[in-house]
C-alpha atoms as a PDB file:
ATOM      1  CA  UNK A   1       0.000   0.000   0.000  1.00  0.00           C
ATOM      2  CA  UNK A   2       1.333   3.436  -0.862  1.00  0.00           C
ATOM      3  CA  UNK A   3       1.583   6.107   1.732  1.00  0.00           C
ATOM      4  CA  UNK A   4       0.244   9.609   1.101  1.00  0.00           C
ATOM      5  CA  UNK A   5       3.802  11.023   1.243  1.00  0.00           C
ATOM      6  CA  UNK A   6       5.082   8.576  -1.383  1.00  0.00           C
ATOM      7  CA  UNK A   7       2.092   9.293  -3.643  1.00  0.00           C
ATOM      8  CA  UNK A   8       2.698  13.052  -3.257  1.00  0.00           C
ATOM      9  CA  UNK A   9       6.409  12.670  -4.127  1.00  0.00           C
ATOM     10  CA  UNK A  10       5.565  10.670  -7.271  1.00  0.00           C
ATOM     11  CA  UNK A  11       2.970  13.262  -8.325  1.00  0.00           C
ATOM     12  CA  UNK A  12       5.401  16.118  -7.790  1.00  0.00           C
ATOM     13  CA  UNK A  13       8.104  14.304  -9.730  1.00  0.00           C
ATOM     14  CA  UNK A  14       5.702  13.636 -12.625  1.00  0.00           C
ATOM     15  CA  UNK A  15       4.566  17.265 -12.621  1.00  0.00           C
ATOM     16  CA  UNK A  16       8.187  18.491 -12.550  1.00  0.00           C
ATOM     17  CA  UNK A  17       9.209  16.246 -15.491  1.00  0.00           C
ATOM     18  CA  UNK A  18       6.176  17.293 -17.525  1.00  0.00           C
ATOM     19  CA  UNK A  19       6.961  20.973 -16.854  1.00  0.00           C
ATOM     20  CA  UNK A  20      10.568  20.585 -18.028  1.00  0.00           C
ATOM     21  CA  UNK A  21       9.453  18.741 -21.149  1.00  0.00           C
ATOM     22  CA  UNK A  22       6.868  21.407 -21.987  1.00  0.00           C
ATOM     23  CA  UNK A  23       9.362  24.230 -21.418  1.00  0.00           C
ATOM     24  CA  UNK A  24      11.890  22.607 -23.743  1.00  0.00           C
ATOM     25  CA  UNK A  25       9.313  22.538 -26.572  1.00  0.00           C
ATOM     26  CA  UNK A  26       8.385  26.167 -25.963  1.00  0.00           C
ATOM     27  CA  UNK A  27      12.046  27.242 -25.875  1.00  0.00           C
ATOM     28  CA  UNK A  28      12.755  25.568 -29.224  1.00  0.00           C
ATOM     29  CA  UNK A  29       9.829  27.352 -30.850  1.00  0.00           C
ATOM     30  CA  UNK A  30      10.907  30.750 -29.480  1.00  0.00           C
ATOM     31  CA  UNK A  31      14.351  30.421 -31.073  1.00  0.00           C
ATOM     32  CA  UNK A  32      12.930  29.645 -34.517  1.00  0.00           C
ATOM     33  CA  UNK A  33      11.833  32.163 -37.131  1.00  0.00           C
ATOM     34  CA  UNK A  34       9.126  31.448 -39.652  1.00  0.00           C
ATOM     35  CA  UNK A  35      10.226  32.334 -43.213  1.00  0.00           C
ATOM     36  CA  UNK A  36       7.530  32.879 -45.831  1.00  0.00           C
ATOM     37  CA  UNK A  37       8.470  33.154 -49.504  1.00  0.00           C
ATOM     38  CA  UNK A  38       6.201  34.661 -52.145  1.00  0.00           C
ATOM     39  CA  UNK A  39       4.334  32.479 -54.634  1.00  0.00           C
ATOM     40  CA  UNK A  40       6.661  33.370 -57.510  1.00  0.00           C
ATOM     41  CA  UNK A  41       9.709  31.904 -55.737  1.00  0.00           C
ATOM     42  CA  UNK A  42      10.335  28.152 -55.671  1.00  0.00           C
ATOM     43  CA  UNK A  43      12.349  26.957 -52.677  1.00  0.00           C
ATOM     44  CA  UNK A  44      14.380  23.843 -53.519  1.00  0.00           C
ATOM     45  CA  UNK A  45      16.930  23.500 -50.676  1.00  0.00           C
ATOM     46  CA  UNK A  46      17.550  24.939 -47.228  1.00  0.00           C
ATOM     47  CA  UNK A  47      21.070  24.408 -45.878  1.00  0.00           C
ATOM     48  CA  UNK A  48      21.732  21.658 -48.454  1.00  0.00           C
ATOM     49  CA  UNK A  49      18.563  19.756 -47.474  1.00  0.00           C
ATOM     50  CA  UNK A  50      15.745  19.315 -49.984  1.00  0.00           C
ATOM     51  CA  UNK A  51      12.437  21.000 -49.187  1.00  0.00           C
ATOM     52  CA  UNK A  52       9.525  18.581 -49.429  1.00  0.00           C
ATOM     53  CA  UNK A  53       6.650  19.894 -51.539  1.00  0.00           C
ATOM     54  CA  UNK A  54       3.154  18.511 -51.829  1.00  0.00           C
ATOM     55  CA  UNK A  55       1.942  16.915 -55.051  1.00  0.00           C
ATOM     56  CA  UNK A  56      -0.234  19.876 -56.035  1.00  0.00           C
ATOM     57  CA  UNK A  57       1.346  22.673 -54.025  1.00  0.00           C
ATOM     58  CA  UNK A  58       4.718  24.010 -53.052  1.00  0.00           C
ATOM     59  CA  UNK A  59       5.853  24.776 -49.535  1.00  0.00           C
ATOM     60  CA  UNK A  60       5.901  28.539 -48.930  1.00  0.00           C
ATOM     61  CA  UNK A  61       6.654  28.722 -45.177  1.00  0.00           C
ATOM     62  CA  UNK A  62       9.537  27.079 -43.320  1.00  0.00           C
ATOM     63  CA  UNK A  63      11.003  27.343 -39.822  1.00  0.00           C
ATOM     64  CA  UNK A  64      14.613  28.468 -39.450  1.00  0.00           C
ATOM     65  CA  UNK A  65      16.761  28.360 -36.317  1.00  0.00           C
ATOM     66  CA  UNK A  66      18.999  31.243 -35.340  1.00  0.00           C
ATOM     67  CA  UNK A  67      22.207  31.456 -37.361  1.00  0.00           C
ATOM     68  CA  UNK A  68      23.335  31.448 -40.980  1.00  0.00           C
ATOM     69  CA  UNK A  69      21.284  29.774 -43.696  1.00  0.00           C
ATOM     70  CA  UNK A  70      21.618  29.189 -47.438  1.00  0.00           C
ATOM     71  CA  UNK A  71      18.482  28.879 -49.567  1.00  0.00           C
ATOM     72  CA  UNK A  72      18.430  27.559 -53.128  1.00  0.00           C
ATOM     73  CA  UNK A  73      15.631  29.324 -54.979  1.00  0.00           C
ATOM     74  CA  UNK A  74      14.392  29.997 -58.477  1.00  0.00           C
ATOM     75  CA  UNK A  75      11.923  32.509 -59.849  1.00  0.00           C
ATOM     76  CA  UNK A  76       8.886  31.259 -61.774  1.00  0.00           C
ATOM     77  CA  UNK A  77       5.799  33.187 -62.906  1.00  0.00           C
ATOM     78  CA  UNK A  78       3.393  33.499 -65.834  1.00  0.00           C
ATOM     79  CA  UNK A  79       2.802  36.752 -67.732  1.00  0.00           C
ATOM     80  CA  UNK A  80       0.654  37.703 -70.674  1.00  0.00           C
ATOM     81  CA  UNK A  81       2.673  38.384 -73.836  1.00  0.00           C
ATOM     82  CA  UNK A  82       0.673  41.177 -75.456  1.00  0.00           C
ATOM     83  CA  UNK A  83       2.561  40.899 -78.775  1.00  0.00           C
ATOM     84  CA  UNK A  84       1.922  37.163 -79.168  1.00  0.00           C
ATOM     85  CA  UNK A  85      -1.478  37.092 -77.424  1.00  0.00           C
ATOM     86  CA  UNK A  86      -0.536  34.191 -75.150  1.00  0.00           C
ATOM     87  CA  UNK A  87       0.743  33.464 -71.664  1.00  0.00           C
ATOM     88  CA  UNK A  88       4.492  33.069 -71.204  1.00  0.00           C
ATOM     89  CA  UNK A  89       6.281  31.242 -68.424  1.00  0.00           C
ATOM     90  CA  UNK A  90       9.290  33.172 -67.148  1.00  0.00           C
ATOM     91  CA  UNK A  91      11.749  31.360 -64.897  1.00  0.00           C
ATOM     92  CA  UNK A  92      15.291  31.809 -63.679  1.00  0.00           C
ATOM     93  CA  UNK A  93      18.028  29.323 -62.976  1.00  0.00           C
ATOM     94  CA  UNK A  94      18.386  28.273 -59.358  1.00  0.00           C
ATOM     95  CA  UNK A  95      20.418  30.707 -57.260  1.00  0.00           C
ATOM     96  CA  UNK A  96      21.629  30.857 -53.655  1.00  0.00           C
ATOM     97  CA  UNK A  97      20.399  33.368 -51.086  1.00  0.00           C
ATOM     98  CA  UNK A  98      22.376  33.592 -47.853  1.00  0.00           C
ATOM     99  CA  UNK A  99      20.822  35.083 -44.743  1.00  0.00           C
ATOM    100  CA  UNK A 100      21.312  35.282 -40.990  1.00  0.00           C
ATOM    101  CA  UNK A 101      18.452  34.758 -38.537  1.00  0.00           C
ATOM    102  CA  UNK A 102      18.901  36.582 -35.235  1.00  0.00           C
ATOM    103  CA  UNK A 103      15.959  37.489 -32.983  1.00  0.00           C
ATOM    104  CA  UNK A 104      13.259  37.688 -35.641  1.00  0.00           C
ATOM    105  CA  UNK A 105      10.026  35.733 -35.264  1.00  0.00           C
ATOM    106  CA  UNK A 106       8.732  36.129 -38.828  1.00  0.00           C
ATOM    107  CA  UNK A 107      10.607  36.761 -42.058  1.00  0.00           C
ATOM    108  CA  UNK A 108       9.241  37.466 -45.537  1.00  0.00           C
ATOM    109  CA  UNK A 109      11.282  36.880 -48.707  1.00  0.00           C
ATOM    110  CA  UNK A 110       9.987  38.410 -51.915  1.00  0.00           C
ATOM    111  CA  UNK A 111      11.091  39.653 -55.303  1.00  0.00           C
ATOM    112  CA  UNK A 112      11.612  43.278 -56.159  1.00  0.00           C
ATOM    113  CA  UNK A 113       8.589  44.781 -57.935  1.00  0.00           C
ATOM    114  CA  UNK A 114       7.757  42.829 -61.112  1.00  0.00           C
ATOM    115  CA  UNK A 115       4.799  44.257 -63.001  1.00  0.00           C
ATOM    116  CA  UNK A 116       5.089  43.004 -66.579  1.00  0.00           C
ATOM    117  CA  UNK A 117       6.767  40.501 -68.898  1.00  0.00           C
ATOM    118  CA  UNK A 118       9.793  42.717 -69.604  1.00  0.00           C
ATOM    119  CA  UNK A 119      10.547  43.256 -65.886  1.00  0.00           C
ATOM    120  CA  UNK A 120      10.065  39.518 -65.236  1.00  0.00           C
ATOM    121  CA  UNK A 121      12.602  38.635 -67.938  1.00  0.00           C
ATOM    122  CA  UNK A 122      15.086  41.179 -66.503  1.00  0.00           C
ATOM    123  CA  UNK A 123      14.554  39.729 -63.032  1.00  0.00           C
ATOM    124  CA  UNK A 124      15.134  36.162 -64.272  1.00  0.00           C
ATOM    125  CA  UNK A 125      18.559  37.225 -65.583  1.00  0.00           C
ATOM    126  CA  UNK A 126      19.510  39.277 -62.508  1.00  0.00           C
ATOM    127  CA  UNK A 127      17.339  38.419 -59.465  1.00  0.00           C
ATOM    128  CA  UNK A 128      16.915  40.974 -56.682  1.00  0.00           C
ATOM    129  CA  UNK A 129      15.211  39.857 -53.485  1.00  0.00           C
ATOM    130  CA  UNK A 130      13.916  41.671 -50.433  1.00  0.00           C
ATOM    131  CA  UNK A 131      13.934  40.140 -46.938  1.00  0.00           C
ATOM    132  CA  UNK A 132      11.663  41.823 -44.381  1.00  0.00           C
ATOM    133  CA  UNK A 133      11.150  41.084 -40.699  1.00  0.00           C
ATOM    134  CA  UNK A 134       7.834  41.098 -38.839  1.00  0.00           C
ATOM    135  CA  UNK A 135       8.083  44.902 -38.455  1.00  0.00           C
ATOM    136  CA  UNK A 136       8.594  45.342 -42.227  1.00  0.00           C
ATOM    137  CA  UNK A 137      12.236  46.380 -41.701  1.00  0.00           C
ATOM    138  CA  UNK A 138      14.392  45.509 -44.702  1.00  0.00           C
ATOM    139  CA  UNK A 139      17.101  43.069 -43.640  1.00  0.00           C
ATOM    140  CA  UNK A 140      18.409  42.199 -47.099  1.00  0.00           C
ATOM    141  CA  UNK A 141      18.126  43.658 -50.554  1.00  0.00           C
ATOM    142  CA  UNK A 142      20.410  41.736 -52.802  1.00  0.00           C
ATOM    143  CA  UNK A 143      21.034  39.966 -56.016  1.00  0.00           C
ATOM    144  CA  UNK A 144      23.161  36.817 -55.811  1.00  0.00           C
ATOM    145  CA  UNK A 145      26.714  37.012 -57.086  1.00  0.00           C
ATOM    146  CA  UNK A 146      27.545  34.936 -60.207  1.00  0.00           C
ATOM    147  CA  UNK A 147      29.390  32.362 -58.079  1.00  0.00           C
ATOM    148  CA  UNK A 148      26.193  31.761 -56.092  1.00  0.00           C
ATOM    149  CA  UNK A 149      24.055  30.978 -59.143  1.00  0.00           C
ATOM    150  CA  UNK A 150      23.346  27.284 -59.741  1.00  0.00           C
ATOM    151  CA  UNK A 151      21.988  25.524 -62.785  1.00  0.00           C
ATOM    152  CA  UNK A 152      18.652  23.739 -62.506  1.00  0.00           C
END
């Protein structure tokens, strides 16, 4: 038969272990930033690991830990070609974007303004991306150097 003191000690120990376990999950989530990329960017790799996409959709939000990261991305969008009267697919080769996550909770990666077919074709040849934090502060405005471009 268990005594009330022994039962109380076991309950306290269980409660203490559960609290530590819960705190460790919360602490991991606090140190991660959520990165969202716009629909016209295709994320292939994060830190040399392939990004899993669904059959009918691509993954647009990922969690990143604090520190340096390398993303392999390509641009892909459809524009109306007014001269030919048809839609045209514009896409870039894959390129590498390097970024550092510090204390941010949410990050947003997007292209510079692309409003028509001509600007999309210019962007595909020389991509320029904007990285914003949750307060809409610009953390990165860059185009990858030629050594960071990768073939698809």
